[in-house]
PDB file of N, CA and C in Angstrom:
ATOM      1  N   GLU A   1     -16.417 -20.114   9.221  1.00  0.00           N
ATOM      2  CA  GLU A   1     -15.795 -19.709   8.157  1.00  0.00           C
ATOM      3  C   GLU A   1     -16.697 -19.116   7.093  1.00  0.00           C
ATOM      4  N   GLU A   2     -17.841 -19.758   6.869  1.00  0.00           N
ATOM      5  CA  GLU A   2     -18.711 -19.282   6.017  1.00  0.00           C
ATOM      6  C   GLU A   2     -19.167 -17.895   6.251  1.00  0.00           C
ATOM      7  N   SER A   3     -19.431 -17.690   7.621  1.00  0.00           N
ATOM      8  CA  SER A   3     -20.057 -16.300   7.934  1.00  0.00           C
ATOM      9  C   SER A   3     -18.854 -15.332   7.945  1.00  0.00           C
ATOM     10  N   GLN A   4     -17.852 -15.701   8.168  1.00  0.00           N
ATOM     11  CA  GLN A   4     -16.660 -14.643   7.670  1.00  0.00           C
ATOM     12  C   GLN A   4     -16.717 -14.253   6.619  1.00  0.00           C
ATOM     13  N   LYS A   5     -16.818 -15.181   5.600  1.00  0.00           N
ATOM     14  CA  LYS A   5     -16.728 -15.108   4.040  1.00  0.00           C
ATOM     15  C   LYS A   5     -17.894 -14.022   3.702  1.00  0.00           C
ATOM     16  N   GLY A   6     -19.074 -14.247   4.358  1.00  0.00           N
ATOM     17  CA  GLY A   6     -20.339 -13.333   4.116  1.00  0.00           C
ATOM     18  C   GLY A   6     -19.930 -11.999   4.531  1.00  0.00           C
ATOM     19  N   ASN A   7     -19.477 -11.782   5.766  1.00  0.00           N
ATOM     20  CA  ASN A   7     -19.121 -10.572   6.183  1.00  0.00           C
ATOM     21  C   ASN A   7     -18.201 -10.091   5.313  1.00  0.00           C
ATOM     22  N   TYR A   8     -17.077 -10.385   4.759  1.00  0.00           N
ATOM     23  CA  TYR A   8     -15.974  -9.889   4.078  1.00  0.00           C
ATOM     24  C   TYR A   8     -16.673  -9.377   2.718  1.00  0.00           C
ATOM     25  N   LYS A   9     -17.826 -10.194   2.057  1.00  0.00           N
ATOM     26  CA  LYS A   9     -18.392  -9.826   0.988  1.00  0.00           C
ATOM     27  C   LYS A   9     -19.147  -8.591   0.875  1.00  0.00           C
ATOM     28  N   LYS A  10     -19.971  -8.706   2.218  1.00  0.00           N
ATOM     29  CA  LYS A  10     -20.736  -7.462   2.487  1.00  0.00           C
ATOM     30  C   LYS A  10     -19.701  -6.093   2.687  1.00  0.00           C
ATOM     31  N   ALA A  11     -18.773  -6.310   3.310  1.00  0.00           N
ATOM     32  CA  ALA A  11     -17.811  -5.102   3.703  1.00  0.00           C
ATOM     33  C   ALA A  11     -17.283  -4.795   2.292  1.00  0.00           C
ATOM     34  N   GLU A  12     -16.628  -5.746   1.360  1.00  0.00           N
ATOM     35  CA  GLU A  12     -16.350  -5.423   0.200  1.00  0.00           C
ATOM     36  C   GLU A  12     -17.082  -4.739  -0.702  1.00  0.00           C
ATOM     37  N   GLU A  13     -18.615  -5.173  -0.802  1.00  0.00           N
ATOM     38  CA  GLU A  13     -19.481  -4.239  -1.364  1.00  0.00           C
ATOM     39  C   GLU A  13     -19.696  -3.093  -0.907  1.00  0.00           C
ATOM     40  N   ALA A  14     -19.829  -2.834   0.343  1.00  0.00           N
ATOM     41  CA  ALA A  14     -19.789  -1.621   0.839  1.00  0.00           C
ATOM     42  C   ALA A  14     -18.876  -0.455   0.700  1.00  0.00           C
ATOM     43  N   LEU A  15     -17.606  -1.122   0.545  1.00  0.00           N
ATOM     44  CA  LEU A  15     -16.505  -0.334   0.329  1.00  0.00           C
ATOM     45  C   LEU A  15     -16.310  -0.004  -1.124  1.00  0.00           C
ATOM     46  N   GLU A  16     -16.770  -0.839  -2.052  1.00  0.00           N
ATOM     47  CA  GLU A  16     -17.094  -0.602  -3.614  1.00  0.00           C
ATOM     48  C   GLU A  16     -18.044   0.251  -3.671  1.00  0.00           C
ATOM     49  N   ALA A  17     -19.109   0.524  -3.019  1.00  0.00           N
ATOM     50  CA  ALA A  17     -20.279   1.529  -3.184  1.00  0.00           C
ATOM     51  C   ALA A  17     -19.662   2.928  -2.777  1.00  0.00           C
ATOM     52  N   ALA A  18     -18.868   2.926  -1.747  1.00  0.00           N
ATOM     53  CA  ALA A  18     -18.429   4.107  -1.098  1.00  0.00           C
ATOM     54  C   ALA A  18     -17.425   4.688  -2.182  1.00  0.00           C
ATOM     55  N   ILE A  19     -16.666   3.964  -2.793  1.00  0.00           N
ATOM     56  CA  ILE A  19     -15.803   4.508  -4.048  1.00  0.00           C
ATOM     57  C   ILE A  19     -16.675   4.957  -5.298  1.00  0.00           C
ATOM     58  N   ALA A  20     -17.685   3.984  -5.318  1.00  0.00           N
ATOM     59  CA  ALA A  20     -18.435   4.554  -6.645  1.00  0.00           C
ATOM     60  C   ALA A  20     -19.041   5.898  -6.296  1.00  0.00           C
ATOM     61  N   LEU A  21     -19.563   6.005  -5.212  1.00  0.00           N
ATOM     62  CA  LEU A  21     -20.126   7.180  -4.844  1.00  0.00           C
ATOM     63  C   LEU A  21     -19.372   8.515  -4.858  1.00  0.00           C
ATOM     64  N   ASN A  22     -18.137   8.177  -4.313  1.00  0.00           N
ATOM     65  CA  ASN A  22     -17.102   9.464  -4.357  1.00  0.00           C
ATOM     66  C   ASN A  22     -15.825   8.877  -4.677  1.00  0.00           C
ATOM     67  N   PRO A  23     -15.519   8.703  -6.073  1.00  0.00           N
ATOM     68  CA  PRO A  23     -14.071   8.058  -6.436  1.00  0.00           C
ATOM     69  C   PRO A  23     -12.903   8.715  -6.062  1.00  0.00           C
ATOM     70  N   ASP A  24     -13.348  10.121  -5.885  1.00  0.00           N
ATOM     71  CA  ASP A  24     -12.116  11.003  -5.601  1.00  0.00           C
ATOM     72  C   ASP A  24     -11.560  11.127  -4.216  1.00  0.00           C
ATOM     73  N   PHE A  25     -12.278  10.199  -3.418  1.00  0.00           N
ATOM     74  CA  PHE A  25     -11.718  10.331  -1.825  1.00  0.00           C
ATOM     75  C   PHE A  25     -11.182   8.924  -1.674  1.00  0.00           C
ATOM     76  N   ASP A  26      -9.872   9.000  -1.149  1.00  0.00           N
ATOM     77  CA  ASP A  26      -8.895   7.932  -1.032  1.00  0.00           C
ATOM     78  C   ASP A  26      -9.293   7.105   0.153  1.00  0.00           C
ATOM     79  N   GLY A  27      -9.995   7.632   1.038  1.00  0.00           N
ATOM     80  CA  GLY A  27     -10.473   6.755   2.330  1.00  0.00           C
ATOM     81  C   GLY A  27     -10.659   5.562   2.049  1.00  0.00           C
ATOM     82  N   PRO A  28     -11.710   4.994   1.423  1.00  0.00           N
ATOM     83  CA  PRO A  28     -12.060   3.531   1.096  1.00  0.00           C
ATOM     84  C   PRO A  28     -11.179   2.617   0.609  1.00  0.00           C
ATOM     85  N   TYR A  29     -10.248   3.125  -0.364  1.00  0.00           N
ATOM     86  CA  TYR A  29      -9.259   2.390  -1.088  1.00  0.00           C
ATOM     87  C   TYR A  29      -8.304   1.599  -0.340  1.00  0.00           C
ATOM     88  N   SER A  30      -7.957   2.016   0.856  1.00  0.00           N
ATOM     89  CA  SER A  30      -6.721   1.312   1.641  1.00  0.00           C
ATOM     90  C   SER A  30      -7.518   0.142   2.486  1.00  0.00           C
ATOM     91  N   HIS A  31      -8.890   0.535   2.869  1.00  0.00           N
ATOM     92  CA  HIS A  31      -9.818  -0.461   3.509  1.00  0.00           C
ATOM     93  C   HIS A  31     -10.036  -1.412   2.549  1.00  0.00           C
ATOM     94  N   LEU A  32     -10.341  -1.210   1.393  1.00  0.00           N
ATOM     95  CA  LEU A  32     -10.918  -2.240   0.317  1.00  0.00           C
ATOM     96  C   LEU A  32      -9.495  -3.267  -0.015  1.00  0.00           C
ATOM     97  N   ALA A  33      -8.259  -2.362  -0.193  1.00  0.00           N
ATOM     98  CA  ALA A  33      -7.146  -3.376  -0.351  1.00  0.00           C
ATOM     99  C   ALA A  33      -6.788  -4.268   0.725  1.00  0.00           C
ATOM    100  N   ASP A  34      -7.092  -3.712   2.060  1.00  0.00           N
ATOM    101  CA  ASP A  34      -6.567  -4.676   3.182  1.00  0.00           C
ATOM    102  C   ASP A  34      -7.566  -5.894   3.286  1.00  0.00           C
ATOM    103  N   LEU A  35      -8.971  -5.706   3.062  1.00  0.00           N
ATOM    104  CA  LEU A  35      -9.922  -6.744   3.044  1.00  0.00           C
ATOM    105  C   LEU A  35      -9.698  -7.523   2.040  1.00  0.00           C
ATOM    106  N   LEU A  36      -9.161  -7.204   0.734  1.00  0.00           N
ATOM    107  CA  LEU A  36      -9.034  -7.979  -0.451  1.00  0.00           C
ATOM    108  C   LEU A  36      -7.779  -8.831   0.113  1.00  0.00           C
ATOM    109  N   THR A  37      -6.708  -8.228   0.615  1.00  0.00           N
ATOM    110  CA  THR A  37      -5.394  -9.048   0.964  1.00  0.00           C
ATOM    111  C   THR A  37      -5.856 -10.179   2.027  1.00  0.00           C
ATOM    112  N   LYS A  38      -6.513  -9.592   2.936  1.00  0.00           N
ATOM    113  CA  LYS A  38      -7.141 -10.657   3.995  1.00  0.00           C
ATOM    114  C   LYS A  38      -7.719 -11.851   3.373  1.00  0.00           C
ATOM    115  N   GLN A  39      -8.585 -11.674   2.297  1.00  0.00           N
ATOM    116  CA  GLN A  39      -9.176 -12.854   1.527  1.00  0.00           C
ATOM    117  C   GLN A  39      -8.230 -13.447   0.509  1.00  0.00           C
ATOM    118  N   GLY A  40      -6.923 -13.067   0.527  1.00  0.00           N
ATOM    119  CA  GLY A  40      -6.360 -13.779  -0.399  1.00  0.00           C
ATOM    120  C   GLY A  40      -6.003 -13.503  -1.733  1.00  0.00           C
ATOM    121  N   ASN A  41      -6.559 -12.151  -2.097  1.00  0.00           N
ATOM    122  CA  ASN A  41      -6.737 -11.420  -3.344  1.00  0.00           C
ATOM    123  C   ASN A  41      -5.506 -10.418  -3.279  1.00  0.00           C
ATOM    124  N   LYS A  42      -4.365 -10.619  -3.469  1.00  0.00           N
ATOM    125  CA  LYS A  42      -3.379  -9.657  -3.272  1.00  0.00           C
ATOM    126  C   LYS A  42      -3.225  -8.955  -4.658  1.00  0.00           C
ATOM    127  N   ALA A  43      -3.581  -9.696  -5.807  1.00  0.00           N
ATOM    128  CA  ALA A  43      -3.288  -8.986  -7.037  1.00  0.00           C
ATOM    129  C   ALA A  43      -4.329  -7.992  -7.300  1.00  0.00           C
ATOM    130  N   LYS A  44      -5.560  -8.156  -6.816  1.00  0.00           N
ATOM    131  CA  LYS A  44      -6.691  -7.143  -6.789  1.00  0.00           C
ATOM    132  C   LYS A  44      -6.226  -6.104  -5.841  1.00  0.00           C
ATOM    133  N   ALA A  45      -5.953  -6.365  -4.774  1.00  0.00           N
ATOM    134  CA  ALA A  45      -5.509  -5.424  -3.650  1.00  0.00           C
ATOM    135  C   ALA A  45      -4.600  -4.560  -4.141  1.00  0.00           C
ATOM    136  N   GLN A  46      -3.521  -5.004  -4.902  1.00  0.00           N
ATOM    137  CA  GLN A  46      -2.345  -4.331  -5.384  1.00  0.00           C
ATOM    138  C   GLN A  46      -2.977  -3.221  -6.557  1.00  0.00           C
ATOM    139  N   GLN A  47      -3.899  -3.810  -7.296  1.00  0.00           N
ATOM    140  CA  GLN A  47      -4.568  -3.063  -8.419  1.00  0.00           C
ATOM    141  C   GLN A  47      -5.483  -1.818  -7.722  1.00  0.00           C
ATOM    142  N   VAL A  48      -6.045  -1.978  -6.827  1.00  0.00           N
ATOM    143  CA  VAL A  48      -6.639  -1.023  -6.138  1.00  0.00           C
ATOM    144  C   VAL A  48      -5.896   0.238  -5.629  1.00  0.00           C
ATOM    145  N   LEU A  49      -4.733  -0.328  -4.947  1.00  0.00           N
ATOM    146  CA  LEU A  49      -3.524   0.675  -4.463  1.00  0.00           C
ATOM    147  C   LEU A  49      -2.944   1.520  -5.488  1.00  0.00           C
ATOM    148  N   GLU A  50      -2.762   0.777  -6.619  1.00  0.00           N
ATOM    149  CA  GLU A  50      -1.981   1.226  -7.602  1.00  0.00           C
ATOM    150  C   GLU A  50      -3.247   2.549  -8.442  1.00  0.00           C
ATOM    151  N   HIS A  51      -4.146   2.006  -8.534  1.00  0.00           N
ATOM    152  CA  HIS A  51      -5.431   2.913  -8.917  1.00  0.00           C
ATOM    153  C   HIS A  51      -5.530   4.327  -8.336  1.00  0.00           C
ATOM    154  N   CYS A  52      -5.417   4.099  -7.082  1.00  0.00           N
ATOM    155  CA  CYS A  52      -5.672   5.259  -6.174  1.00  0.00           C
ATOM    156  C   CYS A  52      -4.652   6.143  -5.955  1.00  0.00           C
ATOM    157  N   LEU A  53      -3.399   5.532  -5.952  1.00  0.00           N
ATOM    158  CA  LEU A  53      -1.946   6.451  -6.020  1.00  0.00           C
ATOM    159  C   LEU A  53      -1.958   7.097  -7.354  1.00  0.00           C
ATOM    160  N   GLU A  54      -2.270   6.392  -8.480  1.00  0.00           N
ATOM    161  CA  GLU A  54      -2.001   7.112  -9.797  1.00  0.00           C
ATOM    162  C   GLU A  54      -3.024   8.118 -10.312  1.00  0.00           C
ATOM    163  N   HIS A  55      -4.487   7.756  -9.757  1.00  0.00           N
ATOM    164  CA  HIS A  55      -5.631   8.551 -10.313  1.00  0.00           C
ATOM    165  C   HIS A  55      -6.278   9.428  -9.181  1.00  0.00           C
ATOM    166  N   VAL A  56      -6.299   9.019  -8.036  1.00  0.00           N
ATOM    167  CA  VAL A  56      -7.151   9.671  -6.952  1.00  0.00           C
ATOM    168  C   VAL A  56      -6.303  10.545  -5.977  1.00  0.00           C
ATOM    169  N   ASN A  57      -4.953  10.045  -5.582  1.00  0.00           N
ATOM    170  CA  ASN A  57      -4.225  11.073  -4.715  1.00  0.00           C
ATOM    171  C   ASN A  57      -2.997  10.562  -4.817  1.00  0.00           C
ATOM    172  N   PRO A  58      -2.112  11.141  -5.737  1.00  0.00           N
ATOM    173  CA  PRO A  58      -0.709  10.724  -5.710  1.00  0.00           C
ATOM    174  C   PRO A  58       0.139  11.121  -4.679  1.00  0.00           C
ATOM    175  N   LYS A  59      -0.275  11.810  -3.646  1.00  0.00           N
ATOM    176  CA  LYS A  59       0.477  12.180  -2.563  1.00  0.00           C
ATOM    177  C   LYS A  59      -0.039  11.401  -1.305  1.00  0.00           C
ATOM    178  N   GLY A  60      -0.812  10.419  -1.358  1.00  0.00           N
ATOM    179  CA  GLY A  60      -1.548   9.612  -0.306  1.00  0.00           C
ATOM    180  C   GLY A  60      -0.502   8.823   0.540  1.00  0.00           C
ATOM    181  N   SER A  61       0.002   9.363   1.381  1.00  0.00           N
ATOM    182  CA  SER A  61       0.981   8.484   2.092  1.00  0.00           C
ATOM    183  C   SER A  61       0.609   7.055   2.687  1.00  0.00           C
ATOM    184  N   GLU A  62      -0.664   6.974   3.143  1.00  0.00           N
ATOM    185  CA  GLU A  62      -1.072   5.748   3.635  1.00  0.00           C
ATOM    186  C   GLU A  62      -1.198   4.635   2.483  1.00  0.00           C
ATOM    187  N   ILE A  63      -1.553   5.107   1.372  1.00  0.00           N
ATOM    188  CA  ILE A  63      -1.587   4.264   0.098  1.00  0.00           C
ATOM    189  C   ILE A  63      -0.136   3.938  -0.253  1.00  0.00           C
ATOM    190  N   ALA A  64       0.482   5.215  -0.433  1.00  0.00           N
ATOM    191  CA  ALA A  64       1.848   5.010  -1.107  1.00  0.00           C
ATOM    192  C   ALA A  64       2.706   3.832  -0.160  1.00  0.00           C
ATOM    193  N   TYR A  65       2.374   3.962   1.161  1.00  0.00           N
ATOM    194  CA  TYR A  65       3.268   2.939   2.115  1.00  0.00           C
ATOM    195  C   TYR A  65       2.583   1.576   1.927  1.00  0.00           C
ATOM    196  N   SER A  66       1.349   1.381   1.620  1.00  0.00           N
ATOM    197  CA  SER A  66       0.887   0.125   1.694  1.00  0.00           C
ATOM    198  C   SER A  66       1.277  -0.649   0.364  1.00  0.00           C
ATOM    199  N   LEU A  67       1.162   0.248  -0.669  1.00  0.00           N
ATOM    200  CA  LEU A  67       1.574  -0.132  -2.116  1.00  0.00           C
ATOM    201  C   LEU A  67       3.246  -0.484  -1.969  1.00  0.00           C
ATOM    202  N   GLY A  68       3.994   0.391  -1.444  1.00  0.00           N
ATOM    203  CA  GLY A  68       5.551   0.264  -1.530  1.00  0.00           C
ATOM    204  C   GLY A  68       5.775  -1.076  -0.788  1.00  0.00           C
ATOM    205  N   THR A  69       5.069  -1.296   0.441  1.00  0.00           N
ATOM    206  CA  THR A  69       5.404  -2.523   1.036  1.00  0.00           C
ATOM    207  C   THR A  69       4.931  -3.883   0.401  1.00  0.00           C
ATOM    208  N   THR A  70       3.749  -3.773  -0.551  1.00  0.00           N
ATOM    209  CA  THR A  70       3.522  -4.719  -1.218  1.00  0.00           C
ATOM    210  C   THR A  70       4.596  -4.938  -2.281  1.00  0.00           C
ATOM    211  N   TYR A  71       5.058  -4.062  -2.883  1.00  0.00           N
ATOM    212  CA  TYR A  71       6.222  -4.039  -4.098  1.00  0.00           C
ATOM    213  C   TYR A  71       7.317  -4.658  -3.156  1.00  0.00           C
ATOM    214  N   LEU A  72       7.900  -4.245  -2.013  1.00  0.00           N
ATOM    215  CA  LEU A  72       8.777  -4.831  -1.411  1.00  0.00           C
ATOM    216  C   LEU A  72       8.818  -6.290  -1.131  1.00  0.00           C
ATOM    217  N   GLU A  73       7.579  -6.736  -0.564  1.00  0.00           N
ATOM    218  CA  GLU A  73       7.332  -8.157  -0.662  1.00  0.00           C
ATOM    219  C   GLU A  73       7.592  -9.192  -1.847  1.00  0.00           C
ATOM    220  N   ASN A  74       7.136  -8.237  -3.189  1.00  0.00           N
ATOM    221  CA  ASN A  74       7.343  -8.966  -4.245  1.00  0.00           C
ATOM    222  C   ASN A  74       8.614  -8.677  -4.952  1.00  0.00           C
ATOM    223  N   GLY A  75       9.742  -8.060  -4.265  1.00  0.00           N
ATOM    224  CA  GLY A  75      10.825  -7.877  -4.714  1.00  0.00           C
ATOM    225  C   GLY A  75      11.003  -6.893  -5.807  1.00  0.00           C
ATOM    226  N   GLU A  76      10.113  -6.117  -5.923  1.00  0.00           N
ATOM    227  CA  GLU A  76       9.909  -4.900  -6.932  1.00  0.00           C
ATOM    228  C   GLU A  76      10.608  -3.548  -6.384  1.00  0.00           C
ATOM    229  N   TYR A  77      11.920  -3.659  -6.206  1.00  0.00           N
ATOM    230  CA  TYR A  77      12.547  -2.500  -5.211  1.00  0.00           C
ATOM    231  C   TYR A  77      12.585  -1.156  -5.874  1.00  0.00           C
ATOM    232  N   ASP A  78      12.682  -0.973  -7.260  1.00  0.00           N
ATOM    233  CA  ASP A  78      12.202   0.302  -7.592  1.00  0.00           C
ATOM    234  C   ASP A  78      11.026   0.948  -7.491  1.00  0.00           C
ATOM    235  N   LYS A  79      10.151   0.133  -7.732  1.00  0.00           N
ATOM    236  CA  LYS A  79       8.647   0.485  -7.542  1.00  0.00           C
ATOM    237  C   LYS A  79       8.458   0.974  -5.711  1.00  0.00           C
ATOM    238  N   ALA A  80       9.007  -0.007  -5.188  1.00  0.00           N
ATOM    239  CA  ALA A  80       8.829   0.269  -3.670  1.00  0.00           C
ATOM    240  C   ALA A  80       9.439   1.643  -3.173  1.00  0.00           C
ATOM    241  N   THR A  81      10.663   1.745  -3.755  1.00  0.00           N
ATOM    242  CA  THR A  81      11.293   2.965  -3.589  1.00  0.00           C
ATOM    243  C   THR A  81      10.480   4.232  -3.916  1.00  0.00           C
ATOM    244  N   ARG A  82       9.906   4.342  -5.238  1.00  0.00           N
ATOM    245  CA  ARG A  82       9.083   5.497  -5.632  1.00  0.00           C
ATOM    246  C   ARG A  82       8.179   5.680  -4.618  1.00  0.00           C
ATOM    247  N   CYS A  83       7.297   4.491  -4.045  1.00  0.00           N
ATOM    248  CA  CYS A  83       6.317   4.873  -3.218  1.00  0.00           C
ATOM    249  C   CYS A  83       6.782   5.093  -1.758  1.00  0.00           C
ATOM    250  N   ILE A  84       7.594   4.635  -1.439  1.00  0.00           N
ATOM    251  CA  ILE A  84       8.095   5.038  -0.005  1.00  0.00           C
ATOM    252  C   ILE A  84       8.626   6.430  -0.132  1.00  0.00           C
ATOM    253  N   ASN A  85       9.248   6.750  -1.050  1.00  0.00           N
ATOM    254  CA  ASN A  85       9.727   8.082  -1.123  1.00  0.00           C
ATOM    255  C   ASN A  85       8.444   9.252  -1.344  1.00  0.00           C
ATOM    256  N   VAL A  86       7.297   8.754  -1.539  1.00  0.00           N
ATOM    257  CA  VAL A  86       6.061   9.551  -1.683  1.00  0.00           C
ATOM    258  C   VAL A  86       5.959   9.900   0.108  1.00  0.00           C
ATOM    259  N   CYS A  87       6.152   8.993   0.842  1.00  0.00           N
ATOM    260  CA  CYS A  87       5.852   9.025   2.316  1.00  0.00           C
ATOM    261  C   CYS A  87       7.068   9.887   2.876  1.00  0.00           C
ATOM    262  N   LEU A  88       8.078   9.800   2.536  1.00  0.00           N
ATOM    263  CA  LEU A  88       9.266  10.649   2.933  1.00  0.00           C
ATOM    264  C   LEU A  88       9.161  11.831   2.709  1.00  0.00           C
ATOM    265  N   GLU A  89       8.804  12.241   1.505  1.00  0.00           N
ATOM    266  CA  GLU A  89       8.563  13.563   1.034  1.00  0.00           C
ATOM    267  C   GLU A  89       7.549  14.438   1.980  1.00  0.00           C
ATOM    268  N   ILE A  90       6.420  13.573   2.363  1.00  0.00           N
ATOM    269  CA  ILE A  90       5.544  14.295   3.259  1.00  0.00           C
ATOM    270  C   ILE A  90       6.235  14.153   4.773  1.00  0.00           C
ATOM    271  N   ASP A  91       6.748  13.304   4.997  1.00  0.00           N
ATOM    272  CA  ASP A  91       7.316  13.322   6.365  1.00  0.00           C
ATOM    273  C   ASP A  91       8.746  12.690   6.500  1.00  0.00           C
ATOM    274  N   ASP A  92       9.747  13.441   6.602  1.00  0.00           N
ATOM    275  CA  ASP A  92      10.962  12.835   6.382  1.00  0.00           C
ATOM    276  C   ASP A  92      11.413  11.967   7.526  1.00  0.00           C
ATOM    277  N   CYS A  93      10.602  12.069   8.678  1.00  0.00           N
ATOM    278  CA  CYS A  93      11.004  11.186   9.700  1.00  0.00           C
ATOM    279  C   CYS A  93       9.752  10.198  10.187  1.00  0.00           C
ATOM    280  N   ASP A  94       9.395   9.670   9.204  1.00  0.00           N
ATOM    281  CA  ASP A  94       8.372   8.779   9.087  1.00  0.00           C
ATOM    282  C   ASP A  94       9.155   7.490   9.507  1.00  0.00           C
ATOM    283  N   VAL A  95       8.992   6.765  10.498  1.00  0.00           N
ATOM    284  CA  VAL A  95       9.966   5.632  10.862  1.00  0.00           C
ATOM    285  C   VAL A  95       9.617   4.519  10.043  1.00  0.00           C
ATOM    286  N   ASP A  96       8.351   4.431   9.846  1.00  0.00           N
ATOM    287  CA  ASP A  96       7.970   3.034   9.064  1.00  0.00           C
ATOM    288  C   ASP A  96       8.460   2.975   7.793  1.00  0.00           C
ATOM    289  N   ALA A  97       8.423   4.201   6.962  1.00  0.00           N
ATOM    290  CA  ALA A  97       8.823   4.611   5.828  1.00  0.00           C
ATOM    291  C   ALA A  97      10.525   4.331   5.911  1.00  0.00           C
ATOM    292  N   MET A  98      11.149   5.008   6.835  1.00  0.00           N
ATOM    293  CA  MET A  98      12.599   4.556   7.112  1.00  0.00           C
ATOM    294  C   MET A  98      13.110   3.293   6.966  1.00  0.00           C
ATOM    295  N   MET A  99      12.089   2.635   7.758  1.00  0.00           N
ATOM    296  CA  MET A  99      12.409   1.031   8.250  1.00  0.00           C
ATOM    297  C   MET A  99      12.285   0.313   6.823  1.00  0.00           C
ATOM    298  N   ALA A 100      11.066   0.767   5.968  1.00  0.00           N
ATOM    299  CA  ALA A 100      10.838   0.178   4.555  1.00  0.00           C
ATOM    300  C   ALA A 100      12.065   0.399   3.768  1.00  0.00           C
ATOM    301  N   MET A 101      12.536   1.588   3.685  1.00  0.00           N
ATOM    302  CA  MET A 101      13.673   1.846   2.987  1.00  0.00           C
ATOM    303  C   MET A 101      14.961   1.007   3.252  1.00  0.00           C
ATOM    304  N   ALA A 102      15.180   0.755   4.632  1.00  0.00           N
ATOM    305  CA  ALA A 102      16.013  -0.122   5.036  1.00  0.00           C
ATOM    306  C   ALA A 102      16.143  -1.476   4.439  1.00  0.00           C
ATOM    307  N   GLN A 103      14.711  -2.183   4.434  1.00  0.00           N
ATOM    308  CA  GLN A 103      14.416  -3.557   3.943  1.00  0.00           C
ATOM    309  C   GLN A 103      14.784  -3.293   2.254  1.00  0.00           C
ATOM    310  N   ILE A 104      14.344  -2.403   1.805  1.00  0.00           N
ATOM    311  CA  ILE A 104      14.584  -2.302   0.406  1.00  0.00           C
ATOM    312  C   ILE A 104      16.057  -2.430  -0.022  1.00  0.00           C
ATOM    313  N   CYS A 105      16.941  -1.678   0.762  1.00  0.00           N
ATOM    314  CA  CYS A 105      18.223  -1.690   0.652  1.00  0.00           C
ATOM    315  C   CYS A 105      18.864  -3.148   0.786  1.00  0.00           C
ATOM    316  N   ALA A 106      18.279  -3.677   1.973  1.00  0.00           N
ATOM    317  CA  ALA A 106      18.773  -5.070   2.294  1.00  0.00           C
ATOM    318  C   ALA A 106      18.357  -5.947   1.268  1.00  0.00           C
ATOM    319  N   GLY A 107      17.377  -5.814   0.730  1.00  0.00           N
ATOM    320  CA  GLY A 107      16.724  -6.717  -0.570  1.00  0.00           C
ATOM    321  C   GLY A 107      17.703  -6.587  -1.728  1.00  0.00           C
ATOM    322  N   ARG A 108      18.298  -5.471  -1.783  1.00  0.00           N
ATOM    323  CA  ARG A 108      19.345  -5.167  -3.014  1.00  0.00           C
ATOM    324  C   ARG A 108      20.786  -5.645  -2.615  1.00  0.00           C
ATOM    325  N   GLN A 109      20.849  -5.983  -1.437  1.00  0.00           N
ATOM    326  CA  GLN A 109      22.187  -6.183  -1.048  1.00  0.00           C
ATOM    327  C   GLN A 109      23.010  -5.018  -0.610  1.00  0.00           C
ATOM    328  N   ASP A 110      22.604  -3.893  -0.472  1.00  0.00           N
ATOM    329  CA  ASP A 110      23.209  -2.612  -0.278  1.00  0.00           C
ATOM    330  C   ASP A 110      23.312  -2.388   1.514  1.00  0.00           C
ATOM    331  N   ALA A 111      24.420  -3.004   2.003  1.00  0.00           N
ATOM    332  CA  ALA A 111      24.473  -2.817   3.334  1.00  0.00           C
ATOM    333  C   ALA A 111      24.613  -1.406   3.844  1.00  0.00           C
ATOM    334  N   ALA A 112      25.287  -0.818   2.956  1.00  0.00           N
ATOM    335  CA  ALA A 112      25.730   0.795   3.350  1.00  0.00           C
ATOM    336  C   ALA A 112      24.343   1.555   3.522  1.00  0.00           C
ATOM    337  N   GLY A 113      23.550   1.332   2.369  1.00  0.00           N
ATOM    338  CA  GLY A 113      22.267   1.959   2.250  1.00  0.00           C
ATOM    339  C   GLY A 113      21.453   1.470   3.443  1.00  0.00           C
ATOM    340  N   GLU A 114      21.435   0.191   3.824  1.00  0.00           N
ATOM    341  CA  GLU A 114      20.536  -0.251   4.596  1.00  0.00           C
ATOM    342  C   GLU A 114      20.787   0.373   6.261  1.00  0.00           C
ATOM    343  N   GLU A 115      22.086   0.461   6.534  1.00  0.00           N
ATOM    344  CA  GLU A 115      22.760   1.112   7.592  1.00  0.00           C
ATOM    345  C   GLU A 115      22.379   2.488   7.593  1.00  0.00           C
ATOM    346  N   ALA A 116      22.453   3.146   6.586  1.00  0.00           N
ATOM    347  CA  ALA A 116      22.124   4.659   6.367  1.00  0.00           C
ATOM    348  C   ALA A 116      20.566   4.933   7.029  1.00  0.00           C
ATOM    349  N   TRP A 117      19.949   3.905   6.803  1.00  0.00           N
ATOM    350  CA  TRP A 117      18.233   3.923   6.975  1.00  0.00           C
ATOM    351  C   TRP A 117      17.905   3.496   8.273  1.00  0.00           C
ATOM    352  N   LEU A 118      18.910   3.006   9.063  1.00  0.00           N
ATOM    353  CA  LEU A 118      18.670   2.445  10.564  1.00  0.00           C
ATOM    354  C   LEU A 118      18.986   3.285  11.448  1.00  0.00           C
TER     355      LEU A 118
END
């Protein structure tokens, strides 16, 4: 396990360096957030995704989906809806985004909305 922690730390440092070198490229942000989540640091992962979506690429569907599902897991349905809508604006047939919208509706106890997305 100690070896795994060392690898995570090196990967985290590399991704942070990539972001520092080119902060306007959204590629490493999702990888950093995934890595932080695997390390149990969901709050920092969420901050990374929020920063990327707000300041780097507001139309980044991968970032928007990851952040939307994070909000969904936290029961933050309005924020989740905004993020998932970014995905659906880009691709209105995005099955993963459609399923996330159904889950949002289910969380809101909106059976009709849930059925509409399924």
